[in-house]
Structure formats: structure tokens, C-alpha cells
Amino acid sequence: MHLLSSVLGKPALYLDPGSGSFILQVLLAALLGGGFAIKAYWKNIKKIFVKSSPEESDEEEETDEDSK
């Protein structure tokens, strides 16, 4: 890395207004995408943390089949 910096010279530490706007867009897209992923997989995520009895899981399967 040091070899390249000596050949290329010292890099400029400058961010133009377009860079700030792009960074803001990337952060916003990541937050919205993460929120959508959580919404889409919420039942699977909930199953990891909630311990249910076998009777409750049978009732949920019957309800899911009825709604199809």
C-alpha cells in the first residue's frame, strides 16, 4: 500500500455535495431494505425466540391451511 501511495501521490480528502447525497441514499436504502426483510420474514424470526407448546403449533398449522 505504501508503494502505491508513493507512486500515485497523496490522495485528496474531499467530498463534494454529490458524495454526501449518495451516502445518505445508501443509508436510507439499507434501513428500508432491512425493515422490509424483517417484515417479510417476521414469522420465521418470531419462531426463533418464542417457545410454543405442541398444541399451539397444531392450531397454527390448521389456521394457515384454512386461509389458503
PDB file of N, CA and C in Angstrom:
ATOM      1  N   MET A   1       0.826  -1.193   0.000  1.00  0.00           N
ATOM      2  CA  MET A   1       0.000   0.000   0.000  1.00  0.00           C
ATOM      3  C   MET A   1       0.865   1.249   0.000  1.00  0.00           C
ATOM      4  N   HIS A   2       1.945   1.210   0.773  1.00  0.00           N
ATOM      5  CA  HIS A   2       2.840   2.355   0.844  1.00  0.00           C
ATOM      6  C   HIS A   2       3.502   2.612  -0.517  1.00  0.00           C
ATOM      7  N   LEU A   3       3.801   1.540  -1.233  1.00  0.00           N
ATOM      8  CA  LEU A   3       4.423   1.667  -2.552  1.00  0.00           C
ATOM      9  C   LEU A   3       3.477   2.391  -3.514  1.00  0.00           C
ATOM     10  N   LEU A   4       2.207   2.055  -3.501  1.00  0.00           N
ATOM     11  CA  LEU A   4       1.248   2.698  -4.386  1.00  0.00           C
ATOM     12  C   LEU A   4       1.058   4.174  -4.037  1.00  0.00           C
ATOM     13  N   SER A   5       1.043   4.498  -2.754  1.00  0.00           N
ATOM     14  CA  SER A   5       0.845   5.895  -2.374  1.00  0.00           C
ATOM     15  C   SER A   5       2.034   6.756  -2.779  1.00  0.00           C
ATOM     16  N   SER A   6       3.217   6.186  -2.798  1.00  0.00           N
ATOM     17  CA  SER A   6       4.375   6.971  -3.227  1.00  0.00           C
ATOM     18  C   SER A   6       4.348   7.206  -4.737  1.00  0.00           C
ATOM     19  N   VAL A   7       3.786   6.276  -5.484  1.00  0.00           N
ATOM     20  CA  VAL A   7       3.699   6.419  -6.933  1.00  0.00           C
ATOM     21  C   VAL A   7       2.546   7.353  -7.307  1.00  0.00           C
ATOM     22  N   LEU A   8       1.404   7.186  -6.672  1.00  0.00           N
ATOM     23  CA  LEU A   8       0.225   7.948  -7.028  1.00  0.00           C
ATOM     24  C   LEU A   8       0.183   9.332  -6.377  1.00  0.00           C
ATOM     25  N   GLY A   9       0.914   9.539  -5.330  1.00  0.00           N
ATOM     26  CA  GLY A   9       0.894  10.809  -4.626  1.00  0.00           C
ATOM     27  C   GLY A   9      -0.117  10.793  -3.496  1.00  0.00           C
ATOM     28  N   LYS A  10      -0.195  11.908  -2.801  1.00  0.00           N
ATOM     29  CA  LYS A  10      -1.095  11.999  -1.657  1.00  0.00           C
ATOM     30  C   LYS A  10      -2.540  12.170  -2.148  1.00  0.00           C
ATOM     31  N   PRO A  11      -3.479  11.318  -1.653  1.00  0.00           N
ATOM     32  CA  PRO A  11      -4.871  11.437  -2.106  1.00  0.00           C
ATOM     33  C   PRO A  11      -5.546  12.676  -1.511  1.00  0.00           C
ATOM     34  N   ALA A  12      -6.448  13.244  -2.267  1.00  0.00           N
ATOM     35  CA  ALA A  12      -7.196  14.401  -1.794  1.00  0.00           C
ATOM     36  C   ALA A  12      -8.323  13.930  -0.879  1.00  0.00           C
ATOM     37  N   LEU A  13      -8.489  14.599   0.243  1.00  0.00           N
ATOM     38  CA  LEU A  13      -9.559  14.254   1.188  1.00  0.00           C
ATOM     39  C   LEU A  13     -10.693  15.245   1.007  1.00  0.00           C
ATOM     40  N   TYR A  14     -11.446  15.057  -0.066  1.00  0.00           N
ATOM     41  CA  TYR A  14     -12.509  15.996  -0.403  1.00  0.00           C
ATOM     42  C   TYR A  14     -13.763  15.224  -0.769  1.00  0.00           C
ATOM     43  N   LEU A  15     -14.880  15.615  -0.203  1.00  0.00           N
ATOM     44  CA  LEU A  15     -16.172  15.048  -0.578  1.00  0.00           C
ATOM     45  C   LEU A  15     -17.035  16.163  -1.137  1.00  0.00           C
ATOM     46  N   ASP A  16     -17.464  15.998  -2.355  1.00  0.00           N
ATOM     47  CA  ASP A  16     -18.344  17.011  -2.932  1.00  0.00           C
ATOM     48  C   ASP A  16     -19.783  16.765  -2.462  1.00  0.00           C
ATOM     49  N   PRO A  17     -20.696  17.703  -2.671  1.00  0.00           N
ATOM     50  CA  PRO A  17     -22.077  17.538  -2.204  1.00  0.00           C
ATOM     51  C   PRO A  17     -22.767  16.291  -2.771  1.00  0.00           C
ATOM     52  N   GLY A  18     -22.418  15.889  -3.947  1.00  0.00           N
ATOM     53  CA  GLY A  18     -22.998  14.681  -4.542  1.00  0.00           C
ATOM     54  C   GLY A  18     -22.625  13.426  -3.765  1.00  0.00           C
ATOM     55  N   SER A  19     -21.425  13.397  -3.211  1.00  0.00           N
ATOM     56  CA  SER A  19     -20.997  12.243  -2.413  1.00  0.00           C
ATOM     57  C   SER A  19     -21.833  12.125  -1.144  1.00  0.00           C
ATOM     58  N   GLY A  20     -22.084  13.245  -0.491  1.00  0.00           N
ATOM     59  CA  GLY A  20     -22.902  13.223   0.725  1.00  0.00           C
ATOM     60  C   GLY A  20     -24.308  12.757   0.432  1.00  0.00           C
ATOM     61  N   SER A  21     -24.868  13.206  -0.678  1.00  0.00           N
ATOM     62  CA  SER A  21     -26.212  12.791  -1.079  1.00  0.00           C
ATOM     63  C   SER A  21     -26.245  11.290  -1.370  1.00  0.00           C
ATOM     64  N   PHE A  22     -25.208  10.785  -2.023  1.00  0.00           N
ATOM     65  CA  PHE A  22     -25.134   9.356  -2.334  1.00  0.00           C
ATOM     66  C   PHE A  22     -25.040   8.533  -1.059  1.00  0.00           C
ATOM     67  N   ILE A  23     -24.222   8.959  -0.113  1.00  0.00           N
ATOM     68  CA  ILE A  23     -24.080   8.246   1.157  1.00  0.00           C
ATOM     69  C   ILE A  23     -25.421   8.221   1.894  1.00  0.00           C
ATOM     70  N   LEU A  24     -26.134   9.336   1.894  1.00  0.00           N
ATOM     71  CA  LEU A  24     -27.445   9.404   2.528  1.00  0.00           C
ATOM     72  C   LEU A  24     -28.428   8.435   1.865  1.00  0.00           C
ATOM     73  N   GLN A  25     -28.412   8.362   0.547  1.00  0.00           N
ATOM     74  CA  GLN A  25     -29.296   7.453  -0.183  1.00  0.00           C
ATOM     75  C   GLN A  25     -28.986   5.994   0.143  1.00  0.00           C
ATOM     76  N   VAL A  26     -27.705   5.657   0.240  1.00  0.00           N
ATOM     77  CA  VAL A  26     -27.311   4.281   0.548  1.00  0.00           C
ATOM     78  C   VAL A  26     -27.773   3.907   1.951  1.00  0.00           C
ATOM     79  N   LEU A  27     -27.584   4.796   2.928  1.00  0.00           N
ATOM     80  CA  LEU A  27     -28.024   4.523   4.295  1.00  0.00           C
ATOM     81  C   LEU A  27     -29.537   4.369   4.378  1.00  0.00           C
ATOM     82  N   LEU A  28     -30.271   5.236   3.701  1.00  0.00           N
ATOM     83  CA  LEU A  28     -31.722   5.163   3.699  1.00  0.00           C
ATOM     84  C   LEU A  28     -32.207   3.868   3.040  1.00  0.00           C
ATOM     85  N   ALA A  29     -31.598   3.499   1.938  1.00  0.00           N
ATOM     86  CA  ALA A  29     -31.978   2.257   1.256  1.00  0.00           C
ATOM     87  C   ALA A  29     -31.684   1.043   2.132  1.00  0.00           C
ATOM     88  N   ALA A  30     -30.573   1.062   2.853  1.00  0.00           N
ATOM     89  CA  ALA A  30     -30.232  -0.057   3.739  1.00  0.00           C
ATOM     90  C   ALA A  30     -31.249  -0.173   4.872  1.00  0.00           C
ATOM     91  N   LEU A  31     -31.657   0.942   5.448  1.00  0.00           N
ATOM     92  CA  LEU A  31     -32.647   0.912   6.523  1.00  0.00           C
ATOM     93  C   LEU A  31     -34.002   0.408   6.025  1.00  0.00           C
ATOM     94  N   LEU A  32     -34.450   0.924   4.893  1.00  0.00           N
ATOM     95  CA  LEU A  32     -35.736   0.491   4.345  1.00  0.00           C
ATOM     96  C   LEU A  32     -35.697  -0.970   3.893  1.00  0.00           C
ATOM     97  N   GLY A  33     -34.600  -1.380   3.292  1.00  0.00           N
ATOM     98  CA  GLY A  33     -34.459  -2.778   2.871  1.00  0.00           C
ATOM     99  C   GLY A  33     -34.430  -3.723   4.058  1.00  0.00           C
ATOM    100  N   GLY A  34     -33.729  -3.328   5.115  1.00  0.00           N
ATOM    101  CA  GLY A  34     -33.708  -4.144   6.324  1.00  0.00           C
ATOM    102  C   GLY A  34     -35.076  -4.241   6.954  1.00  0.00           C
ATOM    103  N   GLY A  35     -35.810  -3.133   6.977  1.00  0.00           N
ATOM    104  CA  GLY A  35     -37.165  -3.142   7.522  1.00  0.00           C
ATOM    105  C   GLY A  35     -38.084  -4.046   6.724  1.00  0.00           C
ATOM    106  N   PHE A  36     -37.965  -4.009   5.419  1.00  0.00           N
ATOM    107  CA  PHE A  36     -38.799  -4.872   4.575  1.00  0.00           C
ATOM    108  C   PHE A  36     -38.446  -6.343   4.787  1.00  0.00           C
ATOM    109  N   ALA A  37     -37.157  -6.650   4.914  1.00  0.00           N
ATOM    110  CA  ALA A  37     -36.741  -8.037   5.138  1.00  0.00           C
ATOM    111  C   ALA A  37     -37.279  -8.549   6.469  1.00  0.00           C
ATOM    112  N   ILE A  38     -37.244  -7.711   7.501  1.00  0.00           N
ATOM    113  CA  ILE A  38     -37.788  -8.114   8.795  1.00  0.00           C
ATOM    114  C   ILE A  38     -39.291  -8.354   8.684  1.00  0.00           C
ATOM    115  N   LYS A  39     -39.985  -7.478   7.968  1.00  0.00           N
ATOM    116  CA  LYS A  39     -41.430  -7.649   7.793  1.00  0.00           C
ATOM    117  C   LYS A  39     -41.745  -8.938   7.040  1.00  0.00           C
ATOM    118  N   ALA A  40     -40.975  -9.231   6.006  1.00  0.00           N
ATOM    119  CA  ALA A  40     -41.241 -10.403   5.182  1.00  0.00           C
ATOM    120  C   ALA A  40     -40.976 -11.709   5.928  1.00  0.00           C
ATOM    121  N   TYR A  41     -39.979 -11.726   6.803  1.00  0.00           N
ATOM    122  CA  TYR A  41     -39.594 -12.943   7.500  1.00  0.00           C
ATOM    123  C   TYR A  41     -39.957 -12.901   8.978  1.00  0.00           C
ATOM    124  N   TRP A  42     -40.915 -12.060   9.375  1.00  0.00           N
ATOM    125  CA  TRP A  42     -41.238 -11.877  10.786  1.00  0.00           C
ATOM    126  C   TRP A  42     -41.671 -13.177  11.467  1.00  0.00           C
ATOM    127  N   LYS A  43     -42.486 -14.007  10.806  1.00  0.00           N
ATOM    128  CA  LYS A  43     -42.933 -15.265  11.419  1.00  0.00           C
ATOM    129  C   LYS A  43     -41.750 -16.186  11.698  1.00  0.00           C
ATOM    130  N   ASN A  44     -40.812 -16.260  10.768  1.00  0.00           N
ATOM    131  CA  ASN A  44     -39.633 -17.109  10.969  1.00  0.00           C
ATOM    132  C   ASN A  44     -38.756 -16.567  12.090  1.00  0.00           C
ATOM    133  N   ILE A  45     -38.613 -15.262  12.166  1.00  0.00           N
ATOM    134  CA  ILE A  45     -37.815 -14.645  13.221  1.00  0.00           C
ATOM    135  C   ILE A  45     -38.474 -14.879  14.574  1.00  0.00           C
ATOM    136  N   LYS A  46     -39.788 -14.755  14.610  1.00  0.00           N
ATOM    137  CA  LYS A  46     -40.526 -14.932  15.859  1.00  0.00           C
ATOM    138  C   LYS A  46     -40.410 -16.370  16.364  1.00  0.00           C
ATOM    139  N   LYS A  47     -40.404 -17.347  15.459  1.00  0.00           N
ATOM    140  CA  LYS A  47     -40.287 -18.747  15.850  1.00  0.00           C
ATOM    141  C   LYS A  47     -38.971 -19.018  16.583  1.00  0.00           C
ATOM    142  N   ILE A  48     -37.935 -18.303  16.252  1.00  0.00           N
ATOM    143  CA  ILE A  48     -36.632 -18.500  16.890  1.00  0.00           C
ATOM    144  C   ILE A  48     -36.696 -18.130  18.365  1.00  0.00           C
ATOM    145  N   PHE A  49     -37.406 -17.052  18.683  1.00  0.00           N
ATOM    146  CA  PHE A  49     -37.398 -16.516  20.035  1.00  0.00           C
ATOM    147  C   PHE A  49     -38.566 -16.960  20.900  1.00  0.00           C
ATOM    148  N   VAL A  50     -39.658 -17.407  20.296  1.00  0.00           N
ATOM    149  CA  VAL A  50     -40.846 -17.785  21.060  1.00  0.00           C
ATOM    150  C   VAL A  50     -40.924 -19.302  21.114  1.00  0.00           C
ATOM    151  N   LYS A  51     -41.054 -19.798  22.327  1.00  0.00           N
ATOM    152  CA  LYS A  51     -41.188 -21.241  22.507  1.00  0.00           C
ATOM    153  C   LYS A  51     -42.666 -21.554  22.642  1.00  0.00           C
ATOM    154  N   SER A  52     -43.197 -22.369  21.732  1.00  0.00           N
ATOM    155  CA  SER A  52     -44.624 -22.688  21.773  1.00  0.00           C
ATOM    156  C   SER A  52     -44.812 -24.156  22.121  1.00  0.00           C
ATOM    157  N   SER A  53     -45.966 -24.458  22.680  1.00  0.00           N
ATOM    158  CA  SER A  53     -46.282 -25.845  23.006  1.00  0.00           C
ATOM    159  C   SER A  53     -46.731 -26.563  21.731  1.00  0.00           C
ATOM    160  N   PRO A  54     -46.661 -27.877  21.711  1.00  0.00           N
ATOM    161  CA  PRO A  54     -47.076 -28.622  20.505  1.00  0.00           C
ATOM    162  C   PRO A  54     -48.539 -28.387  20.137  1.00  0.00           C
ATOM    163  N   GLU A  55     -49.400 -28.160  21.121  1.00  0.00           N
ATOM    164  CA  GLU A  55     -50.813 -27.921  20.834  1.00  0.00           C
ATOM    165  C   GLU A  55     -51.008 -26.633  20.049  1.00  0.00           C
ATOM    166  N   GLU A  56     -50.265 -25.582  20.413  1.00  0.00           N
ATOM    167  CA  GLU A  56     -50.396 -24.297  19.730  1.00  0.00           C
ATOM    168  C   GLU A  56     -49.913 -24.393  18.292  1.00  0.00           C
ATOM    169  N   SER A  57     -48.835 -25.136  18.047  1.00  0.00           N
ATOM    170  CA  SER A  57     -48.316 -25.238  16.683  1.00  0.00           C
ATOM    171  C   SER A  57     -49.295 -25.985  15.784  1.00  0.00           C
ATOM    172  N   ASP A  58     -50.028 -26.984  16.332  1.00  0.00           N
ATOM    173  CA  ASP A  58     -51.041 -27.687  15.542  1.00  0.00           C
ATOM    174  C   ASP A  58     -52.169 -26.744  15.141  1.00  0.00           C
ATOM    175  N   GLU A  59     -52.604 -25.897  16.066  1.00  0.00           N
ATOM    176  CA  GLU A  59     -53.672 -24.940  15.779  1.00  0.00           C
ATOM    177  C   GLU A  59     -53.238 -23.941  14.722  1.00  0.00           C
ATOM    178  N   GLU A  60     -51.981 -23.479  14.777  1.00  0.00           N
ATOM    179  CA  GLU A  60     -51.490 -22.523  13.788  1.00  0.00           C
ATOM    180  C   GLU A  60     -51.430 -23.142  12.409  1.00  0.00           C
ATOM    181  N   GLU A  61     -51.030 -24.421  12.313  1.00  0.00           N
ATOM    182  CA  GLU A  61     -50.964 -25.080  11.009  1.00  0.00           C
ATOM    183  C   GLU A  61     -52.351 -25.208  10.404  1.00  0.00           C
ATOM    184  N   GLU A  62     -53.365 -25.547  11.222  1.00  0.00           N
ATOM    185  CA  GLU A  62     -54.725 -25.669  10.725  1.00  0.00           C
ATOM    186  C   GLU A  62     -55.247 -24.315  10.254  1.00  0.00           C
ATOM    187  N   THR A  63     -54.927 -23.257  10.988  1.00  0.00           N
ATOM    188  CA  THR A  63     -55.366 -21.907  10.601  1.00  0.00           C
ATOM    189  C   THR A  63     -54.719 -21.495   9.296  1.00  0.00           C
ATOM    190  N   ASP A  64     -53.404 -21.789   9.130  1.00  0.00           N
ATOM    191  CA  ASP A  64     -52.708 -21.441   7.901  1.00  0.00           C
ATOM    192  C   ASP A  64     -53.304 -22.176   6.709  1.00  0.00           C
ATOM    193  N   GLU A  65     -53.677 -23.438   6.885  1.00  0.00           N
ATOM    194  CA  GLU A  65     -54.247 -24.223   5.782  1.00  0.00           C
ATOM    195  C   GLU A  65     -55.624 -23.702   5.402  1.00  0.00           C
ATOM    196  N   ASP A  66     -56.406 -23.255   6.407  1.00  0.00           N
ATOM    197  CA  ASP A  66     -57.748 -22.740   6.136  1.00  0.00           C
ATOM    198  C   ASP A  66     -57.688 -21.436   5.347  1.00  0.00           C
ATOM    199  N   SER A  67     -56.670 -20.629   5.561  1.00  0.00           N
ATOM    200  CA  SER A  67     -56.616 -19.327   4.899  1.00  0.00           C
ATOM    201  C   SER A  67     -56.180 -19.436   3.449  1.00  0.00           C
ATOM    202  N   LYS A  68     -55.662 -20.594   3.021  1.00  0.00           N
ATOM    203  CA  LYS A  68     -55.173 -20.746   1.643  1.00  0.00           C
ATOM    204  C   LYS A  68     -56.271 -20.952   0.697  1.00  0.00           C
TER     205      LYS A  68
END
